[in-house]
Each structure stands twice: as structure tokens, then as C-alpha cells.
Amino acid sequence: MSEATSDRTTSATTPATTAAVRAMIAAERRELADLLDGLDERQWQAPSLCSGWRVREVAAHMSMGFRLSLPATLVELAKARGSLHRMTDRVARRDAAAHFTAGLAAFLRDHAHHPWTPPVGGFSAALGHDVVHGLDITVALGHDRRVPADRLRVLLDEVRPRGLKFFGVDLDGVRLRADDLDWSYGTGAPLHGAAQDLLLVAYGRRLPAGRLRGAAAGRFSDGDDGVGGGRPGT
């Protein structure tokens, strides 16, 4: 089994090339655009795994990097007094109200090959942004979409203490073990689940009850303390 200790990741798989990751990004955006086109109004208004955001805000946020120039982004950041999370929350709410749902889906499809990347992490981080926010929507809706394994492997092999800290994830005494991929991370009591669900855990999301198994499942699932999902914009 591919294993990762608390401070490093090892894998038997060959790291994906930049071209391969960019192809994954394009495919993910097109597939998510098609999925969004199939949602009804009730689903667009439903809550996502991102605390305080409906599906509509998540979809608007996913294309923010394509639509805002660097100067416009800096202006918005200044309005938010330097807080990235405050800025992304404000822009997502504004843009969700300003655009029709068909337009929000089209932004992803029309920019499938856009070279945007987050400030840190390069194209693998851009893939993570698309995959995780897609899961914020599909898991919350109870949709059965499965992220292709090659995309999950790229992201799971990038799980590091620095990223866990950024997303506020405490895996002390917990070992993530995927049921459907040859992957694990951490040390301690095993926390079992589908690879894409464990990816959500690593990105600070709380999952619907019943998706994780193990003594620590309640720490990362809704229904125990009322805590919502990840912070908006992450």
C-alpha cells in the first residue's frame, strides 16, 4: 500500500507530468460544467460542504480565477482588508447573485484550458481546487459522481502537514486508509473511507454521517457537534 507518514508521502506511482495534470484539469472542468447544467433550481439553492455557501456560491467561486484580472483581484483583496477568505466569500456571493446558473456552468466549460493556478501549489493545486469544490457540491447533494482515480492519486500524493495546517485539519492519532485506492496517510487509529472522501477530510471538510468508518469518524463527520464544512474559498 502507498503510505504517507505524518511528515512525508511515498507512492509507488509515477508522478504525473504537467501536461497530464493540465489535461485532468480540463476534463474535470468540462465534466463539472455538464453536471451543473443538469441541476434544478432546488439543487442550485442547496447548501454545499463549504460552510455558508450554497451550490451557487461554490460554482461562482470556482471560476473566479478566470474572470478576475490580477489588478481586480488586488482591489477586491484591499476591500477585504487583506483577508483572502473574506475576499473570496464576498466575491462568490456577489457573482452568484449576478450570473444565471447557465453562465456559471459555462464559465467552467469555456475556460477548461485556462492556465490559472492558486498562489501556491501550481497545477496540482489548481486540480485540487476544481476536484474538491466539485465534491463540495456533489457530496452535499448526494450525487453519486466518482472522481477518476488518476486525478485522486495526484492530489492524495500531495497531502502534506503544511496543507493540513492551512485547512485546519488535525490528524493527530489518525491514519487515513482508502477503501478503493492503494493509499494511506498518517499514523494511529485507521479512518476508512472512499479515497475522494478522505481527500475531503484532508481539505478540512466535514462529511455527511455514514461515509467514514473508524473510531475517529465522528471528528470528521456532521451530526456530532454541529460544525459545518470547510471555510469559504478553500
C-alpha atoms as a PDB file:
ATOM      1  CA  MET A   1       0.000   0.000   0.000  1.00  0.00           C
ATOM      2  CA  SER A   2       1.165   3.517  -0.784  1.00  0.00           C
ATOM      3  CA  GLU A   3       1.784   5.068   2.593  1.00  0.00           C
ATOM      4  CA  ALA A   4       2.488   8.521   3.945  1.00  0.00           C
ATOM      5  CA  THR A   5       3.832   9.263   7.377  1.00  0.00           C
ATOM      6  CA  SER A   6       2.888  12.439   9.201  1.00  0.00           C
ATOM      7  CA  ASP A   7       5.694  14.378   7.501  1.00  0.00           C
ATOM      8  CA  ARG A   8       6.199  12.812   4.072  1.00  0.00           C
ATOM      9  CA  THR A   9       4.402  10.986   1.280  1.00  0.00           C
ATOM     10  CA  THR A  10       5.649   7.901  -0.542  1.00  0.00           C
ATOM     11  CA  SER A  11       3.948   6.295  -3.500  1.00  0.00           C
ATOM     12  CA  ALA A  12       4.617   3.514  -5.952  1.00  0.00           C
ATOM     13  CA  THR A  13       3.006   5.543  -8.720  1.00  0.00           C
ATOM     14  CA  THR A  14       4.960   7.733 -11.142  1.00  0.00           C
ATOM     15  CA  PRO A  15       4.258  11.460 -10.649  1.00  0.00           C
ATOM     16  CA  ALA A  16       2.008  12.877 -13.356  1.00  0.00           C
ATOM     17  CA  THR A  17       3.568  15.250 -15.861  1.00  0.00           C
ATOM     18  CA  THR A  18       2.449  18.868 -16.069  1.00  0.00           C
ATOM     19  CA  ALA A  19       0.735  18.138 -19.377  1.00  0.00           C
ATOM     20  CA  ALA A  20      -1.134  15.215 -17.834  1.00  0.00           C
ATOM     21  CA  VAL A  21      -2.302  17.295 -14.869  1.00  0.00           C
ATOM     22  CA  ARG A  22      -3.478  20.092 -17.161  1.00  0.00           C
ATOM     23  CA  ALA A  23      -5.455  17.555 -19.174  1.00  0.00           C
ATOM     24  CA  MET A  24      -7.046  16.340 -15.936  1.00  0.00           C
ATOM     25  CA  ILE A  25      -7.977  19.913 -15.017  1.00  0.00           C
ATOM     26  CA  ALA A  26      -9.627  20.492 -18.382  1.00  0.00           C
ATOM     27  CA  ALA A  27     -11.568  17.232 -18.166  1.00  0.00           C
ATOM     28  CA  GLU A  28     -12.692  17.970 -14.597  1.00  0.00           C
ATOM     29  CA  ARG A  29     -13.983  21.418 -15.533  1.00  0.00           C
ATOM     30  CA  ARG A  30     -15.895  20.120 -18.545  1.00  0.00           C
ATOM     31  CA  GLU A  31     -17.437  17.282 -16.554  1.00  0.00           C
ATOM     32  CA  LEU A  32     -18.449  19.597 -13.717  1.00  0.00           C
ATOM     33  CA  ALA A  33     -19.945  22.066 -16.191  1.00  0.00           C
ATOM     34  CA  ASP A  34     -22.081  19.263 -17.627  1.00  0.00           C
ATOM     35  CA  LEU A  35     -23.121  18.244 -14.118  1.00  0.00           C
ATOM     36  CA  LEU A  36     -24.065  21.822 -13.191  1.00  0.00           C
ATOM     37  CA  ASP A  37     -26.142  22.122 -16.358  1.00  0.00           C
ATOM     38  CA  GLY A  38     -28.217  19.191 -15.109  1.00  0.00           C
ATOM     39  CA  LEU A  39     -29.087  20.667 -11.697  1.00  0.00           C
ATOM     40  CA  ASP A  40     -32.521  22.029 -10.953  1.00  0.00           C
ATOM     41  CA  GLU A  41     -33.210  25.262  -9.077  1.00  0.00           C
ATOM     42  CA  ARG A  42     -33.656  23.466  -5.756  1.00  0.00           C
ATOM     43  CA  GLN A  43     -30.224  21.888  -6.090  1.00  0.00           C
ATOM     44  CA  TRP A  44     -28.605  25.215  -7.012  1.00  0.00           C
ATOM     45  CA  GLN A  45     -30.017  26.670  -3.797  1.00  0.00           C
ATOM     46  CA  ALA A  46     -28.974  23.719  -1.618  1.00  0.00           C
ATOM     47  CA  PRO A  47     -26.149  24.038   0.930  1.00  0.00           C
ATOM     48  CA  SER A  48     -22.711  22.750  -0.043  1.00  0.00           C
ATOM     49  CA  LEU A  49     -19.924  21.352   2.129  1.00  0.00           C
ATOM     50  CA  CYS A  50     -18.414  24.868   2.217  1.00  0.00           C
ATOM     51  CA  SER A  51     -19.810  26.461   5.350  1.00  0.00           C
ATOM     52  CA  GLY A  52     -22.265  29.240   4.486  1.00  0.00           C
ATOM     53  CA  TRP A  53     -22.195  28.644   0.732  1.00  0.00           C
ATOM     54  CA  ARG A  54     -24.909  27.190  -1.437  1.00  0.00           C
ATOM     55  CA  VAL A  55     -24.061  25.233  -4.562  1.00  0.00           C
ATOM     56  CA  ARG A  56     -24.485  28.522  -6.404  1.00  0.00           C
ATOM     57  CA  GLU A  57     -21.697  30.280  -4.466  1.00  0.00           C
ATOM     58  CA  VAL A  58     -19.326  27.343  -4.896  1.00  0.00           C
ATOM     59  CA  ALA A  59     -19.884  27.339  -8.657  1.00  0.00           C
ATOM     60  CA  ALA A  60     -19.301  31.091  -8.824  1.00  0.00           C
ATOM     61  CA  HIS A  61     -16.119  30.801  -6.782  1.00  0.00           C
ATOM     62  CA  MET A  62     -14.683  28.054  -8.975  1.00  0.00           C
ATOM     63  CA  SER A  63     -14.347  30.405 -11.947  1.00  0.00           C
ATOM     64  CA  MET A  64     -13.214  33.491 -10.037  1.00  0.00           C
ATOM     65  CA  GLY A  65      -9.587  32.989 -11.055  1.00  0.00           C
ATOM     66  CA  PHE A  66     -10.561  33.011 -14.740  1.00  0.00           C
ATOM     67  CA  ARG A  67     -12.770  36.074 -14.571  1.00  0.00           C
ATOM     68  CA  LEU A  68     -10.836  38.449 -12.310  1.00  0.00           C
ATOM     69  CA  SER A  69      -7.662  40.048 -13.566  1.00  0.00           C
ATOM     70  CA  LEU A  70      -4.753  40.431 -11.154  1.00  0.00           C
ATOM     71  CA  PRO A  71      -5.460  44.168 -10.653  1.00  0.00           C
ATOM     72  CA  ALA A  72      -9.144  43.435  -9.989  1.00  0.00           C
ATOM     73  CA  THR A  73      -8.199  40.696  -7.529  1.00  0.00           C
ATOM     74  CA  LEU A  74      -5.884  43.058  -5.667  1.00  0.00           C
ATOM     75  CA  VAL A  75      -8.656  45.653  -5.457  1.00  0.00           C
ATOM     76  CA  GLU A  76     -11.025  43.074  -4.002  1.00  0.00           C
ATOM     77  CA  LEU A  77      -8.353  41.937  -1.563  1.00  0.00           C
ATOM     78  CA  ALA A  78      -7.846  45.528  -0.417  1.00  0.00           C
ATOM     79  CA  LYS A  79     -11.601  45.869   0.134  1.00  0.00           C
ATOM     80  CA  ALA A  80     -11.397  42.788   2.339  1.00  0.00           C
ATOM     81  CA  ARG A  81      -8.551  44.361   4.352  1.00  0.00           C
ATOM     82  CA  GLY A  82      -6.098  41.733   3.176  1.00  0.00           C
ATOM     83  CA  SER A  83      -8.181  38.695   4.158  1.00  0.00           C
ATOM     84  CA  LEU A  84      -8.213  36.126   1.343  1.00  0.00           C
ATOM     85  CA  HIS A  85     -11.128  34.247   2.889  1.00  0.00           C
ATOM     86  CA  ARG A  86     -13.178  37.411   3.363  1.00  0.00           C
ATOM     87  CA  MET A  87     -12.435  38.426  -0.210  1.00  0.00           C
ATOM     88  CA  THR A  88     -13.382  35.100  -1.795  1.00  0.00           C
ATOM     89  CA  ASP A  89     -16.562  34.929   0.276  1.00  0.00           C
ATOM     90  CA  ARG A  90     -17.646  38.413  -0.785  1.00  0.00           C
ATOM     91  CA  VAL A  91     -16.862  37.859  -4.469  1.00  0.00           C
ATOM     92  CA  ALA A  92     -18.575  34.465  -4.558  1.00  0.00           C
ATOM     93  CA  ARG A  93     -21.770  35.874  -3.055  1.00  0.00           C
ATOM     94  CA  ARG A  94     -21.707  38.836  -5.418  1.00  0.00           C
ATOM     95  CA  ASP A  95     -21.077  36.754  -8.529  1.00  0.00           C
ATOM     96  CA  ALA A  96     -23.578  34.054  -7.569  1.00  0.00           C
ATOM     97  CA  ALA A  97     -26.252  36.744  -7.493  1.00  0.00           C
ATOM     98  CA  ALA A  98     -25.059  38.437 -10.696  1.00  0.00           C
ATOM     99  CA  HIS A  99     -24.945  35.442 -13.083  1.00  0.00           C
ATOM    100  CA  PHE A 100     -27.508  32.968 -14.344  1.00  0.00           C
ATOM    101  CA  THR A 101     -26.820  29.327 -13.495  1.00  0.00           C
ATOM    102  CA  ALA A 102     -26.167  28.505 -17.160  1.00  0.00           C
ATOM    103  CA  GLY A 103     -23.482  31.177 -17.181  1.00  0.00           C
ATOM    104  CA  LEU A 104     -21.820  29.804 -14.055  1.00  0.00           C
ATOM    105  CA  ALA A 105     -21.571  26.393 -15.711  1.00  0.00           C
ATOM    106  CA  ALA A 106     -20.351  27.915 -18.967  1.00  0.00           C
ATOM    107  CA  PHE A 107     -17.511  29.741 -17.206  1.00  0.00           C
ATOM    108  CA  LEU A 108     -16.000  26.341 -16.328  1.00  0.00           C
ATOM    109  CA  ARG A 109     -16.541  24.802 -19.758  1.00  0.00           C
ATOM    110  CA  ASP A 110     -15.291  27.818 -21.694  1.00  0.00           C
ATOM    111  CA  HIS A 111     -12.160  28.070 -19.534  1.00  0.00           C
ATOM    112  CA  ALA A 112     -11.367  24.366 -19.344  1.00  0.00           C
ATOM    113  CA  HIS A 113      -7.796  25.004 -20.520  1.00  0.00           C
ATOM    114  CA  HIS A 114      -7.249  28.270 -18.637  1.00  0.00           C
ATOM    115  CA  PRO A 115      -3.762  28.248 -17.030  1.00  0.00           C
ATOM    116  CA  TRP A 116      -4.897  29.749 -13.699  1.00  0.00           C
ATOM    117  CA  THR A 117      -3.254  28.334 -10.589  1.00  0.00           C
ATOM    118  CA  PRO A 118      -3.640  29.269  -6.906  1.00  0.00           C
ATOM    119  CA  PRO A 119      -0.904  31.412  -5.315  1.00  0.00           C
ATOM    120  CA  VAL A 120       0.807  28.263  -4.024  1.00  0.00           C
ATOM    121  CA  GLY A 121       0.954  24.756  -5.444  1.00  0.00           C
ATOM    122  CA  GLY A 122       0.950  25.079  -9.223  1.00  0.00           C
ATOM    123  CA  PHE A 123      -1.246  22.959 -11.472  1.00  0.00           C
ATOM    124  CA  SER A 124      -1.754  20.181  -8.912  1.00  0.00           C
ATOM    125  CA  ALA A 125      -3.255  22.805  -6.597  1.00  0.00           C
ATOM    126  CA  ALA A 126      -5.488  24.012  -9.436  1.00  0.00           C
ATOM    127  CA  LEU A 127      -6.659  20.425  -9.932  1.00  0.00           C
ATOM    128  CA  GLY A 128      -7.324  20.192  -6.197  1.00  0.00           C
ATOM    129  CA  HIS A 129      -9.336  23.410  -6.308  1.00  0.00           C
ATOM    130  CA  ASP A 130     -11.595  22.025  -9.036  1.00  0.00           C
ATOM    131  CA  VAL A 131     -11.922  18.492  -7.667  1.00  0.00           C
ATOM    132  CA  VAL A 132     -12.591  19.460  -4.059  1.00  0.00           C
ATOM    133  CA  HIS A 133     -15.091  22.197  -4.884  1.00  0.00           C
ATOM    134  CA  GLY A 134     -16.803  19.773  -7.239  1.00  0.00           C
ATOM    135  CA  LEU A 135     -17.081  17.346  -4.334  1.00  0.00           C
ATOM    136  CA  ASP A 136     -18.353  20.163  -2.121  1.00  0.00           C
ATOM    137  CA  ILE A 137     -21.308  20.187  -4.483  1.00  0.00           C
ATOM    138  CA  THR A 138     -21.838  16.523  -5.343  1.00  0.00           C
ATOM    139  CA  VAL A 139     -21.355  15.053  -1.867  1.00  0.00           C
ATOM    140  CA  ALA A 140     -23.654  17.643  -0.314  1.00  0.00           C
ATOM    141  CA  LEU A 141     -26.319  16.857  -2.931  1.00  0.00           C
ATOM    142  CA  GLY A 142     -25.939  13.111  -2.511  1.00  0.00           C
ATOM    143  CA  HIS A 143     -24.844  12.831  -6.144  1.00  0.00           C
ATOM    144  CA  ASP A 144     -23.017   9.612  -6.988  1.00  0.00           C
ATOM    145  CA  ARG A 145     -20.280  11.131  -9.173  1.00  0.00           C
ATOM    146  CA  ARG A 146     -16.905   9.440  -8.700  1.00  0.00           C
ATOM    147  CA  VAL A 147     -13.750  11.425  -9.386  1.00  0.00           C
ATOM    148  CA  PRO A 148     -11.447   9.405 -11.673  1.00  0.00           C
ATOM    149  CA  ALA A 149      -8.699   7.588  -9.786  1.00  0.00           C
ATOM    150  CA  ASP A 150      -5.807   9.219 -11.661  1.00  0.00           C
ATOM    151  CA  ARG A 151      -6.939  12.673 -10.505  1.00  0.00           C
ATOM    152  CA  LEU A 152      -7.349  11.496  -6.927  1.00  0.00           C
ATOM    153  CA  ARG A 153      -3.863   9.953  -6.911  1.00  0.00           C
ATOM    154  CA  VAL A 154      -2.264  13.248  -7.937  1.00  0.00           C
ATOM    155  CA  LEU A 155      -3.997  15.036  -5.064  1.00  0.00           C
ATOM    156  CA  LEU A 156      -3.620  12.393  -2.388  1.00  0.00           C
ATOM    157  CA  ASP A 157       0.099  12.119  -3.089  1.00  0.00           C
ATOM    158  CA  GLU A 158       0.318  15.876  -2.390  1.00  0.00           C
ATOM    159  CA  VAL A 159      -1.147  15.642   1.131  1.00  0.00           C
ATOM    160  CA  ARG A 160       1.404  17.245   3.476  1.00  0.00           C
ATOM    161  CA  PRO A 161       1.426  18.666   7.027  1.00  0.00           C
ATOM    162  CA  ARG A 162       1.638  22.197   5.625  1.00  0.00           C
ATOM    163  CA  GLY A 163      -1.575  21.759   3.652  1.00  0.00           C
ATOM    164  CA  LEU A 164      -3.340  20.111   6.571  1.00  0.00           C
ATOM    165  CA  LYS A 165      -2.411  23.065   8.768  1.00  0.00           C
ATOM    166  CA  PHE A 166      -3.701  25.550   6.179  1.00  0.00           C
ATOM    167  CA  PHE A 167      -7.067  23.781   6.087  1.00  0.00           C
ATOM    168  CA  GLY A 168      -7.217  23.415   9.870  1.00  0.00           C
ATOM    169  CA  VAL A 169      -7.085  19.620   9.836  1.00  0.00           C
ATOM    170  CA  ASP A 170      -5.917  17.757  12.950  1.00  0.00           C
ATOM    171  CA  LEU A 171      -4.977  14.164  12.121  1.00  0.00           C
ATOM    172  CA  ASP A 172      -3.255  13.512  15.433  1.00  0.00           C
ATOM    173  CA  GLY A 173      -3.600   9.803  16.183  1.00  0.00           C
ATOM    174  CA  VAL A 174      -5.409   9.101  12.906  1.00  0.00           C
ATOM    175  CA  ARG A 175      -4.336   7.137   9.841  1.00  0.00           C
ATOM    176  CA  LEU A 176      -6.358   7.742   6.686  1.00  0.00           C
ATOM    177  CA  ARG A 177      -6.837   4.492   4.717  1.00  0.00           C
ATOM    178  CA  ALA A 178      -8.622   4.494   1.376  1.00  0.00           C
ATOM    179  CA  ASP A 179     -11.004   1.633   0.617  1.00  0.00           C
ATOM    180  CA  ASP A 180     -10.771   1.963  -3.148  1.00  0.00           C
ATOM    181  CA  LEU A 181      -7.180   3.096  -3.790  1.00  0.00           C
ATOM    182  CA  ASP A 182      -3.811   1.817  -2.609  1.00  0.00           C
ATOM    183  CA  TRP A 183      -3.181   4.832  -0.356  1.00  0.00           C
ATOM    184  CA  SER A 184      -2.895   5.754   3.295  1.00  0.00           C
ATOM    185  CA  TYR A 185      -1.574   8.680   5.313  1.00  0.00           C
ATOM    186  CA  GLY A 186      -0.629   9.314   8.924  1.00  0.00           C
ATOM    187  CA  THR A 187      -0.205   7.144  11.991  1.00  0.00           C
ATOM    188  CA  GLY A 188      -2.725   5.947  14.531  1.00  0.00           C
ATOM    189  CA  ALA A 189      -6.221   4.508  14.501  1.00  0.00           C
ATOM    190  CA  PRO A 190      -7.415   3.858  10.943  1.00  0.00           C
ATOM    191  CA  LEU A 191     -10.085   6.070   9.425  1.00  0.00           C
ATOM    192  CA  HIS A 192     -11.577   4.259   6.437  1.00  0.00           C
ATOM    193  CA  GLY A 193     -13.475   5.708   3.532  1.00  0.00           C
ATOM    194  CA  ALA A 194     -13.545   6.223  -0.209  1.00  0.00           C
ATOM    195  CA  ALA A 195     -10.440   7.991  -1.491  1.00  0.00           C
ATOM    196  CA  GLN A 196     -12.411  11.058  -2.537  1.00  0.00           C
ATOM    197  CA  ASP A 197     -13.993  11.298   0.913  1.00  0.00           C
ATOM    198  CA  LEU A 198     -10.586  11.116   2.589  1.00  0.00           C
ATOM    199  CA  LEU A 199      -9.398  13.847   0.230  1.00  0.00           C
ATOM    200  CA  LEU A 200     -12.235  15.998   1.565  1.00  0.00           C
ATOM    201  CA  VAL A 201     -11.077  15.268   5.115  1.00  0.00           C
ATOM    202  CA  ALA A 202      -7.562  16.428   4.165  1.00  0.00           C
ATOM    203  CA  TYR A 203      -9.088  19.647   2.802  1.00  0.00           C
ATOM    204  CA  GLY A 204     -10.896  20.402   6.044  1.00  0.00           C
ATOM    205  CA  ARG A 205     -14.392  19.267   5.114  1.00  0.00           C
ATOM    206  CA  ARG A 206     -16.876  17.576   7.398  1.00  0.00           C
ATOM    207  CA  LEU A 207     -18.710  14.774   5.646  1.00  0.00           C
ATOM    208  CA  PRO A 208     -22.293  13.588   5.943  1.00  0.00           C
ATOM    209  CA  ALA A 209     -22.665  10.918   8.611  1.00  0.00           C
ATOM    210  CA  GLY A 210     -22.016   7.362   7.497  1.00  0.00           C
ATOM    211  CA  ARG A 211     -19.378   7.999   4.830  1.00  0.00           C
ATOM    212  CA  LEU A 212     -16.387   7.331   7.113  1.00  0.00           C
ATOM    213  CA  ARG A 213     -15.609   4.334   9.332  1.00  0.00           C
ATOM    214  CA  GLY A 214     -13.406   4.094  12.386  1.00  0.00           C
ATOM    215  CA  ALA A 215     -13.165   5.319  15.947  1.00  0.00           C
ATOM    216  CA  ALA A 216     -12.383   8.873  14.798  1.00  0.00           C
ATOM    217  CA  ALA A 217     -15.167   9.106  12.199  1.00  0.00           C
ATOM    218  CA  GLY A 218     -17.175  11.481  14.378  1.00  0.00           C
ATOM    219  CA  ARG A 219     -14.335  14.019  14.381  1.00  0.00           C
ATOM    220  CA  PHE A 220     -14.744  14.484  10.633  1.00  0.00           C
ATOM    221  CA  SER A 221     -18.480  13.985  10.146  1.00  0.00           C
ATOM    222  CA  ASP A 222     -21.562  16.103  10.665  1.00  0.00           C
ATOM    223  CA  GLY A 223     -24.071  15.222  13.320  1.00  0.00           C
ATOM    224  CA  ASP A 224     -21.863  15.299  16.424  1.00  0.00           C
ATOM    225  CA  ASP A 225     -21.126  18.923  17.207  1.00  0.00           C
ATOM    226  CA  GLY A 226     -22.961  20.890  14.527  1.00  0.00           C
ATOM    227  CA  VAL A 227     -19.778  22.209  12.933  1.00  0.00           C
ATOM    228  CA  GLY A 228     -20.102  22.896   9.219  1.00  0.00           C
ATOM    229  CA  GLY A 229     -17.707  22.204   6.400  1.00  0.00           C
ATOM    230  CA  GLY A 230     -14.637  23.953   5.104  1.00  0.00           C
ATOM    231  CA  ARG A 231     -14.122  27.683   5.110  1.00  0.00           C
ATOM    232  CA  PRO A 232     -15.442  29.501   2.052  1.00  0.00           C
ATOM    233  CA  GLY A 233     -12.855  29.827  -0.668  1.00  0.00           C
ATOM    234  CA  THR A 234     -10.702  26.880   0.387  1.00  0.00           C
END
